[in-house]
C-alpha atoms as a PDB file:
ATOM      1  CA  MET A   1       0.135  -0.103   0.145  1.00  0.00           C
ATOM      2  CA  LYS A   2       2.914   2.173   0.564  1.00  0.00           C
ATOM      3  CA  HIS A   3       4.061   2.385  -2.903  1.00  0.00           C
ATOM      4  CA  LYS A   4       0.432   2.977  -4.097  1.00  0.00           C
ATOM      5  CA  LEU A   5       0.185   6.095  -2.033  1.00  0.00           C
ATOM      6  CA  PRO A   6       2.096   8.125  -4.188  1.00  0.00           C
ATOM      7  CA  LEU A   7       0.518   7.155  -7.255  1.00  0.00           C
ATOM      8  CA  LEU A   8      -3.134   7.716  -5.652  1.00  0.00           C
ATOM      9  CA  LEU A   9      -1.828  11.238  -4.539  1.00  0.00           C
ATOM     10  CA  LEU A  10      -0.558  11.815  -8.228  1.00  0.00           C
ATOM     11  CA  LEU A  11      -3.682  10.847  -9.720  1.00  0.00           C
ATOM     12  CA  LEU A  12      -6.094  12.819  -7.348  1.00  0.00           C
ATOM     13  CA  LEU A  13      -3.946  15.872  -8.163  1.00  0.00           C
ATOM     14  CA  SER A  14      -4.273  15.434 -11.590  1.00  0.00           C
ATOM     15  CA  LEU A  15      -7.970  14.722 -11.298  1.00  0.00           C
ATOM     16  CA  ALA A  16      -8.293  18.354  -9.305  1.00  0.00           C
ATOM     17  CA  ARG A  17      -6.734  20.221 -12.145  1.00  0.00           C
ATOM     18  CA  ALA A  18      -8.541  18.416 -14.963  1.00  0.00           C
ATOM     19  CA  GLU A  19      -9.885  21.898 -16.209  1.00  0.00           C
ATOM     20  CA  GLU A  20      -6.463  23.218 -16.041  1.00  0.00           C
ATOM     21  CA  PRO A  21      -5.210  23.817 -19.910  1.00  0.00           C
ATOM     22  CA  LEU A  22      -2.964  21.012 -21.084  1.00  0.00           C
ATOM     23  CA  GLY A  23       0.338  21.766 -22.885  1.00  0.00           C
ATOM     24  CA  ASP A  24       1.759  19.419 -25.379  1.00  0.00           C
ATOM     25  CA  GLU A  25       4.824  18.859 -23.301  1.00  0.00           C
ATOM     26  CA  GLU A  26       2.618  17.894 -20.079  1.00  0.00           C
ATOM     27  CA  LYS A  27       0.465  15.909 -22.417  1.00  0.00           C
ATOM     28  CA  HIS A  28       3.211  13.775 -23.554  1.00  0.00           C
ATOM     29  CA  ARG A  29       4.844  13.308 -20.156  1.00  0.00           C
ATOM     30  CA  LEU A  30       1.403  12.141 -19.008  1.00  0.00           C
ATOM     31  CA  LEU A  31       0.641   9.728 -22.001  1.00  0.00           C
ATOM     32  CA  ASP A  32       4.296   8.456 -21.491  1.00  0.00           C
ATOM     33  CA  GLN A  33       3.636   7.984 -17.746  1.00  0.00           C
ATOM     34  CA  ALA A  34       0.228   5.901 -18.752  1.00  0.00           C
ATOM     35  CA  ARG A  35       2.088   3.904 -21.456  1.00  0.00           C
ATOM     36  CA  SER A  36       4.837   3.149 -18.610  1.00  0.00           C
ATOM     37  CA  LEU A  37       2.058   1.841 -16.065  1.00  0.00           C
ATOM     38  CA  LYS A  38       0.741  -0.297 -18.848  1.00  0.00           C
ATOM     39  CA  GLU A  39       4.031  -1.566 -19.712  1.00  0.00           C
ATOM     40  CA  GLN A  40       4.755  -2.580 -16.051  1.00  0.00           C
ATOM     41  CA  ALA A  41       1.411  -4.258 -15.672  1.00  0.00           C
ATOM     42  CA  ALA A  42       2.004  -6.085 -18.432  1.00  0.00           C
ATOM     43  CA  ALA A  43       5.385  -7.359 -17.195  1.00  0.00           C
ATOM     44  CA  ILE A  44       3.813  -7.948 -13.841  1.00  0.00           C
ATOM     45  CA  GLN A  45       0.907 -10.375 -15.641  1.00  0.00           C
ATOM     46  CA  ASP A  46       3.667 -11.986 -17.763  1.00  0.00           C
ATOM     47  CA  ALA A  47       5.892 -12.808 -14.664  1.00  0.00           C
ATOM     48  CA  ALA A  48       2.745 -13.814 -12.576  1.00  0.00           C
ATOM     49  CA  ARG A  49       1.641 -16.068 -15.529  1.00  0.00           C
ATOM     50  CA  ASN A  50       5.047 -17.532 -15.836  1.00  0.00           C
ATOM     51  CA  ARG A  51       5.539 -18.069 -12.109  1.00  0.00           C
ATOM     52  CA  TYR A  52       2.015 -19.598 -11.842  1.00  0.00           C
ATOM     53  CA  LYS A  53       2.905 -22.134 -14.599  1.00  0.00           C
ATOM     54  CA  GLU A  54       6.017 -23.012 -12.457  1.00  0.00           C
ATOM     55  CA  GLN A  55       4.445 -23.235  -9.582  1.00  0.00           C
ATOM     56  CA  GLU A  56       1.594 -25.546 -10.836  1.00  0.00           C
ATOM     57  CA  ALA A  57       4.249 -27.801 -12.375  1.00  0.00           C
ATOM     58  CA  ALA A  58       6.030 -28.018  -8.987  1.00  0.00           C
ATOM     59  CA  CYS A  59       2.530 -28.903  -7.276  1.00  0.00           C
ATOM     60  CA  TRP A  60       2.140 -31.902  -9.027  1.00  0.00           C
ATOM     61  CA  LYS A  61       5.173 -33.138  -7.619  1.00  0.00           C
ATOM     62  CA  LYS A  62       4.249 -32.770  -4.117  1.00  0.00           C
ATOM     63  CA  PHE A  63       1.891 -34.763  -1.805  1.00  0.00           C
ATOM     64  CA  LEU A  64      -0.708 -32.088  -1.159  1.00  0.00           C
ATOM     65  CA  VAL A  65      -1.459 -31.215  -4.793  1.00  0.00           C
ATOM     66  CA  SER A  66      -4.689 -29.412  -4.043  1.00  0.00           C
ATOM     67  CA  ASP A  67      -3.426 -27.027  -1.413  1.00  0.00           C
ATOM     68  CA  CYS A  68      -0.357 -26.230  -3.258  1.00  0.00           C
ATOM     69  CA  LEU A  69      -2.248 -25.421  -6.478  1.00  0.00           C
ATOM     70  CA  ASP A  70      -4.660 -23.211  -4.255  1.00  0.00           C
ATOM     71  CA  ASP A  71      -1.773 -21.238  -2.779  1.00  0.00           C
ATOM     72  CA  ALA A  72      -0.482 -20.807  -6.259  1.00  0.00           C
ATOM     73  CA  LYS A  73      -3.789 -19.454  -7.546  1.00  0.00           C
ATOM     74  CA  ILE A  74      -3.758 -17.078  -4.533  1.00  0.00           C
ATOM     75  CA  ALA A  75      -0.405 -15.781  -5.457  1.00  0.00           C
ATOM     76  CA  HIS A  76      -1.428 -15.345  -9.015  1.00  0.00           C
ATOM     77  CA  LYS A  77      -4.596 -13.364  -8.273  1.00  0.00           C
ATOM     78  CA  GLU A  78      -2.822 -11.091  -5.779  1.00  0.00           C
ATOM     79  CA  GLU A  79      -0.370 -10.371  -8.607  1.00  0.00           C
ATOM     80  CA  ALA A  80      -2.940  -9.963 -11.339  1.00  0.00           C
ATOM     81  CA  ARG A  81      -4.722  -7.590  -8.847  1.00  0.00           C
ATOM     82  CA  LYS A  82      -1.393  -5.559  -8.716  1.00  0.00           C
ATOM     83  CA  ALA A  83      -1.215  -5.287 -12.496  1.00  0.00           C
ATOM     84  CA  ASN A  84      -4.728  -4.399 -12.731  1.00  0.00           C
ATOM     85  CA  GLU A  85      -4.481  -1.574 -10.243  1.00  0.00           C
ATOM     86  CA  LEU A  86      -1.435  -0.158 -12.417  1.00  0.00           C
ATOM     87  CA  GLU A  87      -3.762  -0.560 -15.700  1.00  0.00           C
ATOM     88  CA  ARG A  88      -6.427   1.247 -13.876  1.00  0.00           C
ATOM     89  CA  GLN A  89      -4.210   3.911 -13.066  1.00  0.00           C
ATOM     90  CA  ALA A  90      -2.919   4.335 -16.727  1.00  0.00           C
ATOM     91  CA  ARG A  91      -6.310   4.312 -17.894  1.00  0.00           C
ATOM     92  CA  GLU A  92      -7.333   7.137 -15.188  1.00  0.00           C
ATOM     93  CA  ILE A  93      -4.492   9.130 -16.659  1.00  0.00           C
ATOM     94  CA  GLU A  94      -5.477   8.652 -20.275  1.00  0.00           C
ATOM     95  CA  ARG A  95      -9.075   9.875 -19.085  1.00  0.00           C
ATOM     96  CA  ASP A  96      -7.763  12.783 -17.579  1.00  0.00           C
ATOM     97  CA  VAL A  97      -6.159  13.832 -20.440  1.00  0.00           C
ATOM     98  CA  ARG A  98      -8.707  13.186 -22.759  1.00  0.00           C
ATOM     99  CA  LYS A  99     -11.222  15.344 -20.402  1.00  0.00           C
ATOM    100  CA  ARG A 100      -8.862  17.994 -20.398  1.00  0.00           C
ATOM    101  CA  GLU A 101      -8.332  18.317 -24.218  1.00  0.00           C
ATOM    102  CA  PHE A 102     -12.008  18.223 -24.481  1.00  0.00           C
ATOM    103  CA  ALA A 103     -12.235  21.357 -21.896  1.00  0.00           C
ATOM    104  CA  MET A 104      -9.897  22.956 -23.903  1.00  0.00           C
ATOM    105  CA  ARG A 105     -11.413  22.373 -27.248  1.00  0.00           C
ATOM    106  CA  GLU A 106     -14.860  23.404 -25.744  1.00  0.00           C
ATOM    107  CA  ALA A 107     -13.389  26.685 -24.418  1.00  0.00           C
ATOM    108  CA  ARG A 108     -12.032  27.397 -27.672  1.00  0.00           C
ATOM    109  CA  ARG A 109     -15.483  26.663 -29.361  1.00  0.00           C
ATOM    110  CA  ILE A 110     -17.146  28.986 -26.909  1.00  0.00           C
ATOM    111  CA  GLU A 111     -14.687  31.572 -27.602  1.00  0.00           C
ATOM    112  CA  ASP A 112     -14.782  31.363 -31.280  1.00  0.00           C
ATOM    113  CA  ALA A 113     -18.696  31.254 -31.109  1.00  0.00           C
ATOM    114  CA  PRO A 114     -19.281  35.022 -31.081  1.00  0.00           C
ATOM    115  CA  ARG A 115     -16.750  35.462 -34.227  1.00  0.00           C
ATOM    116  CA  LYS A 116     -18.528  32.631 -36.182  1.00  0.00           C
ATOM    117  CA  GLU A 117     -21.862  34.098 -35.748  1.00  0.00           C
ATOM    118  CA  ALA A 118     -20.932  37.567 -36.798  1.00  0.00           C
ATOM    119  CA  GLU A 119     -19.186  35.882 -39.788  1.00  0.00           C
ATOM    120  CA  ALA A 120     -22.475  33.670 -40.402  1.00  0.00           C
ATOM    121  CA  LEU A 121     -24.644  36.911 -40.302  1.00  0.00           C
ATOM    122  CA  GLU A 122     -22.289  38.780 -42.582  1.00  0.00           C
ATOM    123  CA  ARG A 123     -22.288  35.835 -45.008  1.00  0.00           C
ATOM    124  CA  ALA A 124     -26.167  35.745 -44.844  1.00  0.00           C
ATOM    125  CA  ALA A 125     -26.355  39.463 -45.640  1.00  0.00           C
ATOM    126  CA  LYS A 126     -24.187  39.043 -48.468  1.00  0.00           C
ATOM    127  CA  ASN A 127     -26.111  36.016 -49.703  1.00  0.00           C
ATOM    128  CA  LYS A 128     -29.275  38.127 -49.476  1.00  0.00           C
ATOM    129  CA  ALA A 129     -27.525  41.261 -51.333  1.00  0.00           C
ATOM    130  CA  ALA A 130     -26.616  39.016 -53.918  1.00  0.00           C
ATOM    131  CA  GLN A 131     -29.963  37.006 -54.156  1.00  0.00           C
ATOM    132  CA  GLU A 132     -31.699  40.572 -54.415  1.00  0.00           C
ATOM    133  CA  GLU A 133     -29.414  42.000 -57.066  1.00  0.00           C
ATOM    134  CA  THR A 134     -29.971  38.574 -59.059  1.00  0.00           C
ATOM    135  CA  GLN A 135     -33.729  39.277 -58.681  1.00  0.00           C
ATOM    136  CA  ARG A 136     -33.369  42.881 -59.712  1.00  0.00           C
ATOM    137  CA  ARG A 137     -31.399  42.223 -62.979  1.00  0.00           C
ATOM    138  CA  LEU A 138     -33.948  39.662 -63.741  1.00  0.00           C
ATOM    139  CA  GLU A 139     -36.783  41.969 -63.454  1.00  0.00           C
ATOM    140  CA  GLU A 140     -34.911  44.558 -65.546  1.00  0.00           C
ATOM    141  CA  LYS A 141     -34.343  41.732 -67.937  1.00  0.00           C
ATOM    142  CA  GLN A 142     -38.028  40.808 -68.351  1.00  0.00           C
ATOM    143  CA  LYS A 143     -39.158  44.546 -68.412  1.00  0.00           C
ATOM    144  CA  GLY A 144     -36.719  45.161 -71.434  1.00  0.00           C
ATOM    145  CA  ALA A 145     -37.813  41.778 -73.045  1.00  0.00           C
ATOM    146  CA  GLY A 146     -41.637  43.036 -72.543  1.00  0.00           C
ATOM    147  CA  GLY A 147     -41.172  46.243 -74.241  1.00  0.00           C
ATOM    148  CA  ARG A 148     -40.132  45.111 -77.379  1.00  0.00           C
END
C-alpha cells in the first residue's frame, strides 16, 4: 500500500486540475507515464503467469497437490490484482488527458462562437444582397424583353 500512495496522490492531483489547460509537453509526459504503467502491468502479468505455471508444475510433484495449487492461484490472483491496479491508474491518466483536451476544445469553441456567428450573419447578408441583385437584374431583363 505504501508504494500505491504516491501514485494515488498523483492521480488525485491530476483530477483536481482537470480543467487546467494541457500543454503538449505535459500531455506527452502524462501519456508516457500511462504507457509506462501499462508496460509495468503487462510485465507483472507475464511474470505472474510464468510463476504460476512453474508453481503449478511443482505442485504436481508434491503430496498435497490441491493445497499447493490453491496457494499458487491465490498468489497469482494477488499479482494480477497489482497489475490491474496499474492498468486502472494508466486508464485514469489517459481519461484525465482526454477530459482536459475536451475542456480546452470546448473553451475554444465557446470563445470562437461570437466571431463565427458574426461571420455567419455577414455571409447571410451578402447572400441576401446577391439574391436581391439577381432578382433586380431578372426583373429588368423581363421589363426589357416585354417592351419590344
